[in-house]
Structure formats: structure tokens, C-alpha cells
């Protein structure tokens, strides 16, 4: 049944993926704009992210595109955080 897949709040997932030092910082990044979830602009920290989603956002002057591989259950070490997503190469 669609709509019932496990999900996590976007700010929590970004924190698990170690995008910023705190969950609040992750929320502020989302609310500042520039994030897209499955091509749709998202500015709410409580947006739902699921395995298989594609997240696009600006980072260090570049555009990052991540495929969500897992939701994670905690903010673990960097190796664990990197297992939550796969960077997708975007070439023109």
C-alpha cells in the first residue's frame, strides 16, 4: 500500500547523514530553501523522506544529488552515515 512505507523526518535523516552538526541546523538549511525531494521543492523540516527518494541540494558551491538507501536509526560514525545514501553523478 502506497503511503505506508517507513519514513523519517527530513531534518532527522540529514542529521543521521551528518550534513550538519545538529538537527536544528539541518532544519534551518531546509527552511532556507534550495532543497528538492524527488524534484519537488521542500522547505519544511518535517517533510517525509523514504528509501528510494532522491534529494537535491546546494553544498559547497556545487549541486549534490543523493539517492536515499536507508533511513538510519541514529547519528552514527561517518562510515555509517555514508551508508544511508549514494551520491548520484550529474553530468551535462
Protein backbone atom coordinates (compact mmCIF):
# COMPACT_ATOMS: atom_id res chain seq x y z
CA UNK A 1 0.00 0.00 0.00
CA UNK A 2 1.49 3.27 -1.10
CA UNK A 3 1.83 5.95 1.55
CA UNK A 4 2.60 3.43 4.27
CA UNK A 5 6.31 2.94 3.57
CA UNK A 6 8.56 3.73 6.53
CA UNK A 7 9.71 7.33 6.60
CA UNK A 8 11.78 9.73 8.64
CA UNK A 9 11.60 13.49 9.01
CA UNK A 10 13.95 15.12 6.53
CA UNK A 11 15.80 17.09 9.23
CA UNK A 12 16.39 13.92 11.27
CA UNK A 13 17.58 12.00 8.22
CA UNK A 14 20.01 14.78 7.24
CA UNK A 15 21.31 14.75 10.81
CA UNK A 16 21.80 10.96 10.65
CA UNK A 17 23.63 11.52 7.32
CA UNK A 18 25.85 14.08 9.10
CA UNK A 19 25.04 17.01 6.81
CA UNK A 20 25.21 19.41 9.78
CA UNK A 21 26.20 19.29 13.45
CA UNK A 22 22.68 19.43 14.89
CA UNK A 23 19.16 18.52 13.87
CA UNK A 24 18.20 22.18 14.31
CA UNK A 25 20.96 23.20 11.86
CA UNK A 26 19.60 20.67 9.36
CA UNK A 27 16.13 22.14 9.78
CA UNK A 28 17.47 25.65 9.19
CA UNK A 29 19.20 24.54 5.98
CA UNK A 30 15.94 23.05 4.69
CA UNK A 31 13.88 26.11 5.60
CA UNK A 32 16.42 28.40 3.90
CA UNK A 33 15.45 26.77 0.60
CA UNK A 34 17.29 25.05 -2.20
CA UNK A 35 16.30 21.51 -1.25
CA UNK A 36 14.31 19.31 -3.62
CA UNK A 37 12.84 15.95 -2.73
CA UNK A 38 12.01 13.89 -5.82
CA UNK A 39 12.25 17.09 -7.90
CA UNK A 40 9.74 18.96 -5.71
CA UNK A 41 10.92 21.99 -3.71
CA UNK A 42 10.78 21.37 0.03
CA UNK A 43 11.14 23.95 2.80
CA UNK A 44 9.65 22.05 5.74
CA UNK A 45 11.92 20.19 8.14
CA UNK A 46 9.13 17.69 8.82
CA UNK A 47 8.94 16.58 5.15
CA UNK A 48 8.88 12.78 4.93
CA UNK A 49 11.85 11.04 3.34
CA UNK A 50 11.77 7.37 2.32
CA UNK A 51 14.19 4.81 0.91
CA UNK A 52 14.42 5.36 -2.85
CA UNK A 53 13.83 9.11 -2.67
CA UNK A 54 16.18 11.49 -4.48
CA UNK A 55 17.38 14.56 -2.60
CA UNK A 56 18.94 17.51 -4.46
CA UNK A 57 20.53 20.45 -2.64
CA UNK A 58 23.33 23.02 -2.86
CA UNK A 59 26.53 22.25 -0.96
CA UNK A 60 29.93 23.97 -1.10
CA UNK A 61 29.07 25.76 -4.34
CA UNK A 62 28.01 22.54 -6.08
CA UNK A 63 24.71 20.70 -6.51
CA UNK A 64 24.57 17.40 -4.64
CA UNK A 65 22.15 14.65 -5.68
CA UNK A 66 21.70 11.80 -3.20
CA UNK A 67 19.70 8.60 -3.57
CA UNK A 68 18.36 7.52 -0.16
CA UNK A 69 19.48 3.93 0.53
CA UNK A 70 18.43 3.67 4.20
CA UNK A 71 16.73 5.74 6.87
CA UNK A 72 19.12 5.07 9.73
CA UNK A 73 18.19 4.81 13.38
CA UNK A 74 20.85 7.04 14.91
CA UNK A 75 23.60 9.53 14.17
CA UNK A 76 26.50 7.13 13.88
CA UNK A 77 30.09 7.47 12.72
CA UNK A 78 30.82 8.91 9.25
CA UNK A 79 31.10 5.44 7.67
CA UNK A 80 27.60 4.59 8.89
CA UNK A 81 26.27 7.96 7.70
CA UNK A 82 27.68 7.39 4.21
CA UNK A 83 25.80 4.09 4.01
CA UNK A 84 22.48 5.98 4.14
CA UNK A 85 22.86 7.46 0.66
CA UNK A 86 24.57 7.17 -2.69
CA UNK A 87 25.83 10.27 -4.45
CA UNK A 88 24.49 10.45 -7.96
CA UNK A 89 26.79 11.97 -10.55
CA UNK A 90 25.18 14.70 -12.61
CA UNK A 91 26.89 15.47 -15.87
CA UNK A 92 25.78 17.74 -18.63
